[in-house]
């Protein structure tokens, strides 16, 4: 950071391991030591144990982001970027949210820092943004390919057609109920009810 904008940040630590037989102790030791060397107070530690980095909804990550939105701390520290997430797309979406909320992000072992004064951080973020865009395009391509394959297998796509009891609509009409009442009771639009009655009258 620039000398004119020096501030002692309050820090949140985030650590993650993929299996329950692993621990986050080494990550947390490194992060605590980093804060101690810089004289930064720690707001809290958020640890997801047994959660894959590809999982977008992780309990402690969710809590971390909610606290970040309320700006309960100034900076998030992780040991390595892949602890925060293995999907670059999801990771960049989270980083964009943090930037919007004014919360800085650092991966201590990789010199990644979203502070605007960090040239290395800016370069890495640009690379990550490009990778995220590529990941997004690949997801779209996979979805399109899946739809084409489903159609070839004869799978019906889209919303299932609504089944309407036309005899009930006509019976309600004969009993003198209005188009609006019929539509409300049958959970259909007035135009649909009107069309059913009109076609029956013309038959």
C-alpha atoms as a PDB file:
ATOM      1  CA  UNK A   1       0.000   0.000   0.000  1.00  0.00           C
ATOM      2  CA  UNK A   2       1.119   3.593  -0.500  1.00  0.00           C
ATOM      3  CA  UNK A   3       2.617   5.513   2.431  1.00  0.00           C
ATOM      4  CA  UNK A   4      -0.279   7.979   2.361  1.00  0.00           C
ATOM      5  CA  UNK A   5      -2.835   5.211   2.849  1.00  0.00           C
ATOM      6  CA  UNK A   6      -1.194   3.108   5.567  1.00  0.00           C
ATOM      7  CA  UNK A   7      -3.780   1.450   7.778  1.00  0.00           C
ATOM      8  CA  UNK A   8      -3.579  -1.480  10.145  1.00  0.00           C
ATOM      9  CA  UNK A   9      -6.155  -3.904   8.747  1.00  0.00           C
ATOM     10  CA  UNK A  10      -8.319  -6.288  10.729  1.00  0.00           C
ATOM     11  CA  UNK A  11      -7.807  -9.720   9.183  1.00  0.00           C
ATOM     12  CA  UNK A  12      -9.943 -12.808   8.643  1.00  0.00           C
ATOM     13  CA  UNK A  13      -8.122 -16.084   8.039  1.00  0.00           C
ATOM     14  CA  UNK A  14      -9.553 -18.745   5.735  1.00  0.00           C
ATOM     15  CA  UNK A  15      -8.242 -22.310   5.479  1.00  0.00           C
ATOM     16  CA  UNK A  16      -9.567 -25.450   3.813  1.00  0.00           C
ATOM     17  CA  UNK A  17      -8.713 -29.122   3.411  1.00  0.00           C
ATOM     18  CA  UNK A  18     -10.531 -31.606   1.191  1.00  0.00           C
ATOM     19  CA  UNK A  19     -10.775 -34.584   3.553  1.00  0.00           C
ATOM     20  CA  UNK A  20     -11.636 -34.985   7.215  1.00  0.00           C
ATOM     21  CA  UNK A  21      -8.392 -36.865   7.941  1.00  0.00           C
ATOM     22  CA  UNK A  22      -6.418 -33.712   7.086  1.00  0.00           C
ATOM     23  CA  UNK A  23      -6.028 -30.621   9.243  1.00  0.00           C
ATOM     24  CA  UNK A  24      -5.618 -26.941   8.505  1.00  0.00           C
ATOM     25  CA  UNK A  25      -3.077 -26.425  11.293  1.00  0.00           C
ATOM     26  CA  UNK A  26      -0.097 -25.760   9.000  1.00  0.00           C
ATOM     27  CA  UNK A  27      -2.067 -23.251   6.910  1.00  0.00           C
ATOM     28  CA  UNK A  28      -3.311 -21.454  10.024  1.00  0.00           C
ATOM     29  CA  UNK A  29       0.163 -21.396  11.608  1.00  0.00           C
ATOM     30  CA  UNK A  30       1.544 -19.692   8.493  1.00  0.00           C
ATOM     31  CA  UNK A  31      -1.308 -17.173   8.391  1.00  0.00           C
ATOM     32  CA  UNK A  32      -1.081 -16.379  12.107  1.00  0.00           C
ATOM     33  CA  UNK A  33       2.660 -15.874  11.769  1.00  0.00           C
ATOM     34  CA  UNK A  34       2.141 -13.582   8.776  1.00  0.00           C
ATOM     35  CA  UNK A  35      -0.262 -11.432  10.802  1.00  0.00           C
ATOM     36  CA  UNK A  36       2.071 -11.387  13.791  1.00  0.00           C
ATOM     37  CA  UNK A  37       4.999 -10.221  11.667  1.00  0.00           C
ATOM     38  CA  UNK A  38       2.909  -7.389  10.247  1.00  0.00           C
ATOM     39  CA  UNK A  39       1.208  -6.456  13.496  1.00  0.00           C
ATOM     40  CA  UNK A  40      -2.270  -7.158  12.118  1.00  0.00           C
ATOM     41  CA  UNK A  41      -5.078  -8.118  14.517  1.00  0.00           C
ATOM     42  CA  UNK A  42      -7.091 -11.239  13.630  1.00  0.00           C
ATOM     43  CA  UNK A  43     -10.868 -10.917  13.512  1.00  0.00           C
ATOM     44  CA  UNK A  44     -11.506 -14.647  13.236  1.00  0.00           C
ATOM     45  CA  UNK A  45     -10.533 -17.942  11.648  1.00  0.00           C
ATOM     46  CA  UNK A  46     -12.826 -19.647   9.124  1.00  0.00           C
ATOM     47  CA  UNK A  47     -12.001 -23.305   8.500  1.00  0.00           C
ATOM     48  CA  UNK A  48     -13.715 -25.744   6.127  1.00  0.00           C
ATOM     49  CA  UNK A  49     -12.619 -29.336   6.809  1.00  0.00           C
ATOM     50  CA  UNK A  50     -13.602 -32.069   4.375  1.00  0.00           C
ATOM     51  CA  UNK A  51     -14.802 -29.721   1.642  1.00  0.00           C
ATOM     52  CA  UNK A  52     -13.562 -29.795  -1.947  1.00  0.00           C
ATOM     53  CA  UNK A  53     -12.409 -26.529  -3.446  1.00  0.00           C
ATOM     54  CA  UNK A  54     -14.808 -27.135  -6.323  1.00  0.00           C
ATOM     55  CA  UNK A  55     -17.760 -26.838  -3.918  1.00  0.00           C
ATOM     56  CA  UNK A  56     -19.150 -23.347  -4.169  1.00  0.00           C
ATOM     57  CA  UNK A  57     -21.300 -23.549  -1.039  1.00  0.00           C
ATOM     58  CA  UNK A  58     -18.989 -24.276   1.884  1.00  0.00           C
ATOM     59  CA  UNK A  59     -20.244 -23.459   5.408  1.00  0.00           C
ATOM     60  CA  UNK A  60     -17.330 -21.366   6.633  1.00  0.00           C
ATOM     61  CA  UNK A  61     -16.721 -19.753   3.250  1.00  0.00           C
ATOM     62  CA  UNK A  62     -20.352 -18.653   3.253  1.00  0.00           C
ATOM     63  CA  UNK A  63     -20.000 -17.188   6.745  1.00  0.00           C
ATOM     64  CA  UNK A  64     -16.752 -15.480   5.714  1.00  0.00           C
ATOM     65  CA  UNK A  65     -18.449 -13.817   2.738  1.00  0.00           C
ATOM     66  CA  UNK A  66     -21.443 -12.721   4.828  1.00  0.00           C
ATOM     67  CA  UNK A  67     -19.146 -11.101   7.394  1.00  0.00           C
ATOM     68  CA  UNK A  68     -17.156  -9.507   4.562  1.00  0.00           C
ATOM     69  CA  UNK A  69     -20.342  -7.983   3.160  1.00  0.00           C
ATOM     70  CA  UNK A  70     -20.930  -6.375   6.556  1.00  0.00           C
ATOM     71  CA  UNK A  71     -17.284  -5.212   6.506  1.00  0.00           C
ATOM     72  CA  UNK A  72     -16.460  -6.783   9.855  1.00  0.00           C
ATOM     73  CA  UNK A  73     -12.829  -6.971   8.731  1.00  0.00           C
ATOM     74  CA  UNK A  74     -10.616  -5.313   6.124  1.00  0.00           C
ATOM     75  CA  UNK A  75      -8.619  -8.197   4.694  1.00  0.00           C
ATOM     76  CA  UNK A  76      -8.950 -11.926   3.985  1.00  0.00           C
ATOM     77  CA  UNK A  77      -5.793 -14.029   4.167  1.00  0.00           C
ATOM     78  CA  UNK A  78      -5.383 -17.499   2.653  1.00  0.00           C
ATOM     79  CA  UNK A  79      -2.182 -19.501   2.378  1.00  0.00           C
ATOM     80  CA  UNK A  80      -2.688 -20.512  -1.268  1.00  0.00           C
ATOM     81  CA  UNK A  81      -5.255 -19.463  -3.813  1.00  0.00           C
ATOM     82  CA  UNK A  82      -6.581 -23.000  -4.288  1.00  0.00           C
ATOM     83  CA  UNK A  83      -7.591 -23.046  -0.608  1.00  0.00           C
ATOM     84  CA  UNK A  84     -10.133 -20.347  -1.469  1.00  0.00           C
ATOM     85  CA  UNK A  85     -11.411 -22.252  -4.490  1.00  0.00           C
ATOM     86  CA  UNK A  86     -10.430 -24.488  -7.386  1.00  0.00           C
ATOM     87  CA  UNK A  87     -13.005 -23.102  -9.780  1.00  0.00           C
ATOM     88  CA  UNK A  88     -11.440 -19.936 -11.148  1.00  0.00           C
ATOM     89  CA  UNK A  89     -14.859 -18.700 -12.223  1.00  0.00           C
ATOM     90  CA  UNK A  90     -16.356 -18.973  -8.742  1.00  0.00           C
ATOM     91  CA  UNK A  91     -13.180 -17.563  -7.211  1.00  0.00           C
ATOM     92  CA  UNK A  92     -13.261 -14.485  -9.446  1.00  0.00           C
ATOM     93  CA  UNK A  93     -16.930 -13.954  -8.668  1.00  0.00           C
ATOM     94  CA  UNK A  94     -16.087 -13.959  -4.953  1.00  0.00           C
ATOM     95  CA  UNK A  95     -13.135 -11.632  -5.467  1.00  0.00           C
ATOM     96  CA  UNK A  96     -15.367  -9.246  -7.406  1.00  0.00           C
ATOM     97  CA  UNK A  97     -17.782  -9.216  -4.460  1.00  0.00           C
ATOM     98  CA  UNK A  98     -14.959  -8.519  -2.021  1.00  0.00           C
ATOM     99  CA  UNK A  99     -13.759  -5.622  -4.160  1.00  0.00           C
ATOM    100  CA  UNK A 100     -17.294  -4.235  -4.242  1.00  0.00           C
ATOM    101  CA  UNK A 101     -17.454  -4.432  -0.433  1.00  0.00           C
ATOM    102  CA  UNK A 102     -14.018  -2.859  -0.017  1.00  0.00           C
ATOM    103  CA  UNK A 103     -12.371  -5.987   1.436  1.00  0.00           C
ATOM    104  CA  UNK A 104      -8.811  -6.792   0.413  1.00  0.00           C
ATOM    105  CA  UNK A 105      -7.680 -10.358  -0.371  1.00  0.00           C
ATOM    106  CA  UNK A 106      -4.231 -11.916  -0.138  1.00  0.00           C
ATOM    107  CA  UNK A 107      -2.758 -15.366  -0.823  1.00  0.00           C
ATOM    108  CA  UNK A 108       0.389 -15.127   1.267  1.00  0.00           C
ATOM    109  CA  UNK A 109       2.512 -17.849  -0.361  1.00  0.00           C
ATOM    110  CA  UNK A 110       1.838 -16.621  -3.901  1.00  0.00           C
ATOM    111  CA  UNK A 111       2.198 -12.832  -3.513  1.00  0.00           C
ATOM    112  CA  UNK A 112      -1.387 -12.338  -4.692  1.00  0.00           C
ATOM    113  CA  UNK A 113      -2.806  -9.118  -3.319  1.00  0.00           C
ATOM    114  CA  UNK A 114      -5.915  -7.362  -4.606  1.00  0.00           C
ATOM    115  CA  UNK A 115      -4.654  -4.042  -3.257  1.00  0.00           C
ATOM    116  CA  UNK A 116      -4.524  -1.635  -6.198  1.00  0.00           C
ATOM    117  CA  UNK A 117      -0.914  -0.708  -5.415  1.00  0.00           C
ATOM    118  CA  UNK A 118       0.254  -4.293  -6.013  1.00  0.00           C
ATOM    119  CA  UNK A 119       1.505  -4.633  -9.604  1.00  0.00           C
ATOM    120  CA  UNK A 120       1.984  -8.397  -9.214  1.00  0.00           C
ATOM    121  CA  UNK A 121      -1.517  -8.745  -7.809  1.00  0.00           C
ATOM    122  CA  UNK A 122      -3.029  -6.780 -10.683  1.00  0.00           C
ATOM    123  CA  UNK A 123      -1.239  -8.973 -13.244  1.00  0.00           C
ATOM    124  CA  UNK A 124      -2.320 -12.213 -11.566  1.00  0.00           C
ATOM    125  CA  UNK A 125      -5.899 -11.020 -11.318  1.00  0.00           C
ATOM    126  CA  UNK A 126      -5.928 -10.221 -15.045  1.00  0.00           C
ATOM    127  CA  UNK A 127      -4.657 -13.723 -15.800  1.00  0.00           C
ATOM    128  CA  UNK A 128      -7.251 -15.240 -13.474  1.00  0.00           C
ATOM    129  CA  UNK A 129     -10.008 -13.167 -15.072  1.00  0.00           C
ATOM    130  CA  UNK A 130      -9.019 -14.518 -18.497  1.00  0.00           C
ATOM    131  CA  UNK A 131      -9.033 -18.092 -17.169  1.00  0.00           C
ATOM    132  CA  UNK A 132     -12.436 -17.489 -15.561  1.00  0.00           C
ATOM    133  CA  UNK A 133     -13.827 -16.272 -18.867  1.00  0.00           C
ATOM    134  CA  UNK A 134     -12.475 -19.402 -20.553  1.00  0.00           C
ATOM    135  CA  UNK A 135     -14.034 -21.582 -17.826  1.00  0.00           C
ATOM    136  CA  UNK A 136     -17.369 -19.812 -18.308  1.00  0.00           C
ATOM    137  CA  UNK A 137     -17.218 -20.428 -22.079  1.00  0.00           C
ATOM    138  CA  UNK A 138     -16.401 -24.100 -21.519  1.00  0.00           C
ATOM    139  CA  UNK A 139     -19.404 -24.482 -19.198  1.00  0.00           C
ATOM    140  CA  UNK A 140     -21.673 -22.960 -21.847  1.00  0.00           C
ATOM    141  CA  UNK A 141     -20.252 -25.316 -24.477  1.00  0.00           C
ATOM    142  CA  UNK A 142     -20.781 -28.344 -22.226  1.00  0.00           C
ATOM    143  CA  UNK A 143     -24.378 -27.318 -21.551  1.00  0.00           C
ATOM    144  CA  UNK A 144     -25.069 -26.879 -25.268  1.00  0.00           C
ATOM    145  CA  UNK A 145     -23.491 -30.243 -26.073  1.00  0.00           C
ATOM    146  CA  UNK A 146     -25.559 -31.872 -23.339  1.00  0.00           C
ATOM    147  CA  UNK A 147     -28.782 -30.420 -24.739  1.00  0.00           C
ATOM    148  CA  UNK A 148     -27.958 -31.633 -28.246  1.00  0.00           C
ATOM    149  CA  UNK A 149     -27.176 -35.127 -26.929  1.00  0.00           C
ATOM    150  CA  UNK A 150     -30.413 -35.164 -24.905  1.00  0.00           C
ATOM    151  CA  UNK A 151     -32.486 -34.207 -27.939  1.00  0.00           C
ATOM    152  CA  UNK A 152     -30.862 -37.001 -29.965  1.00  0.00           C
ATOM    153  CA  UNK A 153     -31.868 -39.468 -27.234  1.00  0.00           C
ATOM    154  CA  UNK A 154     -35.447 -38.221 -27.478  1.00  0.00           C
ATOM    155  CA  UNK A 155     -35.435 -36.473 -24.093  1.00  0.00           C
ATOM    156  CA  UNK A 156     -38.078 -33.749 -23.889  1.00  0.00           C
ATOM    157  CA  UNK A 157     -36.579 -30.468 -22.751  1.00  0.00           C
ATOM    158  CA  UNK A 158     -38.219 -27.501 -21.166  1.00  0.00           C
ATOM    159  CA  UNK A 159     -41.266 -27.202 -18.963  1.00  0.00           C
ATOM    160  CA  UNK A 160     -43.761 -30.031 -19.069  1.00  0.00           C
ATOM    161  CA  UNK A 161     -47.016 -29.045 -20.800  1.00  0.00           C
ATOM    162  CA  UNK A 162     -49.847 -28.055 -18.463  1.00  0.00           C
ATOM    163  CA  UNK A 163     -52.744 -30.522 -18.330  1.00  0.00           C
ATOM    164  CA  UNK A 164     -56.061 -28.661 -18.198  1.00  0.00           C
ATOM    165  CA  UNK A 165     -59.375 -30.313 -17.359  1.00  0.00           C
ATOM    166  CA  UNK A 166     -61.405 -28.739 -20.179  1.00  0.00           C
ATOM    167  CA  UNK A 167     -64.631 -30.471 -19.120  1.00  0.00           C
ATOM    168  CA  UNK A 168     -64.362 -28.835 -15.718  1.00  0.00           C
ATOM    169  CA  UNK A 169     -63.813 -25.437 -17.323  1.00  0.00           C
ATOM    170  CA  UNK A 170     -66.937 -25.889 -19.438  1.00  0.00           C
ATOM    171  CA  UNK A 171     -68.966 -27.139 -16.474  1.00  0.00           C
ATOM    172  CA  UNK A 172     -68.004 -24.061 -14.479  1.00  0.00           C
ATOM    173  CA  UNK A 173     -68.958 -21.879 -17.422  1.00  0.00           C
ATOM    174  CA  UNK A 174     -72.390 -23.569 -17.690  1.00  0.00           C
ATOM    175  CA  UNK A 175     -72.944 -22.925 -13.977  1.00  0.00           C
ATOM    176  CA  UNK A 176     -72.516 -19.238 -14.663  1.00  0.00           C
ATOM    177  CA  UNK A 177     -69.052 -18.589 -13.313  1.00  0.00           C
ATOM    178  CA  UNK A 178     -67.149 -15.713 -14.875  1.00  0.00           C
ATOM    179  CA  UNK A 179     -63.986 -16.085 -16.919  1.00  0.00           C
ATOM    180  CA  UNK A 180     -62.027 -14.500 -14.070  1.00  0.00           C
ATOM    181  CA  UNK A 181     -63.447 -16.958 -11.499  1.00  0.00           C
ATOM    182  CA  UNK A 182     -62.751 -19.935 -13.774  1.00  0.00           C
ATOM    183  CA  UNK A 183     -59.156 -18.798 -14.356  1.00  0.00           C
ATOM    184  CA  UNK A 184     -58.551 -18.297 -10.641  1.00  0.00           C
ATOM    185  CA  UNK A 185     -60.004 -21.670  -9.569  1.00  0.00           C
ATOM    186  CA  UNK A 186     -58.300 -23.598 -12.381  1.00  0.00           C
ATOM    187  CA  UNK A 187     -55.031 -21.699 -12.005  1.00  0.00           C
ATOM    188  CA  UNK A 188     -55.015 -20.724 -15.671  1.00  0.00           C
ATOM    189  CA  UNK A 189     -55.069 -17.377 -17.429  1.00  0.00           C
ATOM    190  CA  UNK A 190     -58.327 -15.717 -18.425  1.00  0.00           C
ATOM    191  CA  UNK A 191     -57.232 -15.963 -22.072  1.00  0.00           C
ATOM    192  CA  UNK A 192     -56.804 -19.744 -21.771  1.00  0.00           C
ATOM    193  CA  UNK A 193     -60.218 -20.166 -20.152  1.00  0.00           C
ATOM    194  CA  UNK A 194     -61.819 -17.959 -22.800  1.00  0.00           C
ATOM    195  CA  UNK A 195     -60.176 -19.956 -25.622  1.00  0.00           C
ATOM    196  CA  UNK A 196     -61.395 -23.303 -24.228  1.00  0.00           C
ATOM    197  CA  UNK A 197     -64.981 -22.005 -23.967  1.00  0.00           C
ATOM    198  CA  UNK A 198     -64.876 -20.414 -27.425  1.00  0.00           C
ATOM    199  CA  UNK A 199     -63.599 -23.606 -29.083  1.00  0.00           C
ATOM    200  CA  UNK A 200     -66.267 -25.697 -27.348  1.00  0.00           C
ATOM    201  CA  UNK A 201     -68.992 -23.300 -28.505  1.00  0.00           C
ATOM    202  CA  UNK A 202     -67.751 -23.423 -32.105  1.00  0.00           C
ATOM    203  CA  UNK A 203     -67.574 -27.234 -32.213  1.00  0.00           C
END
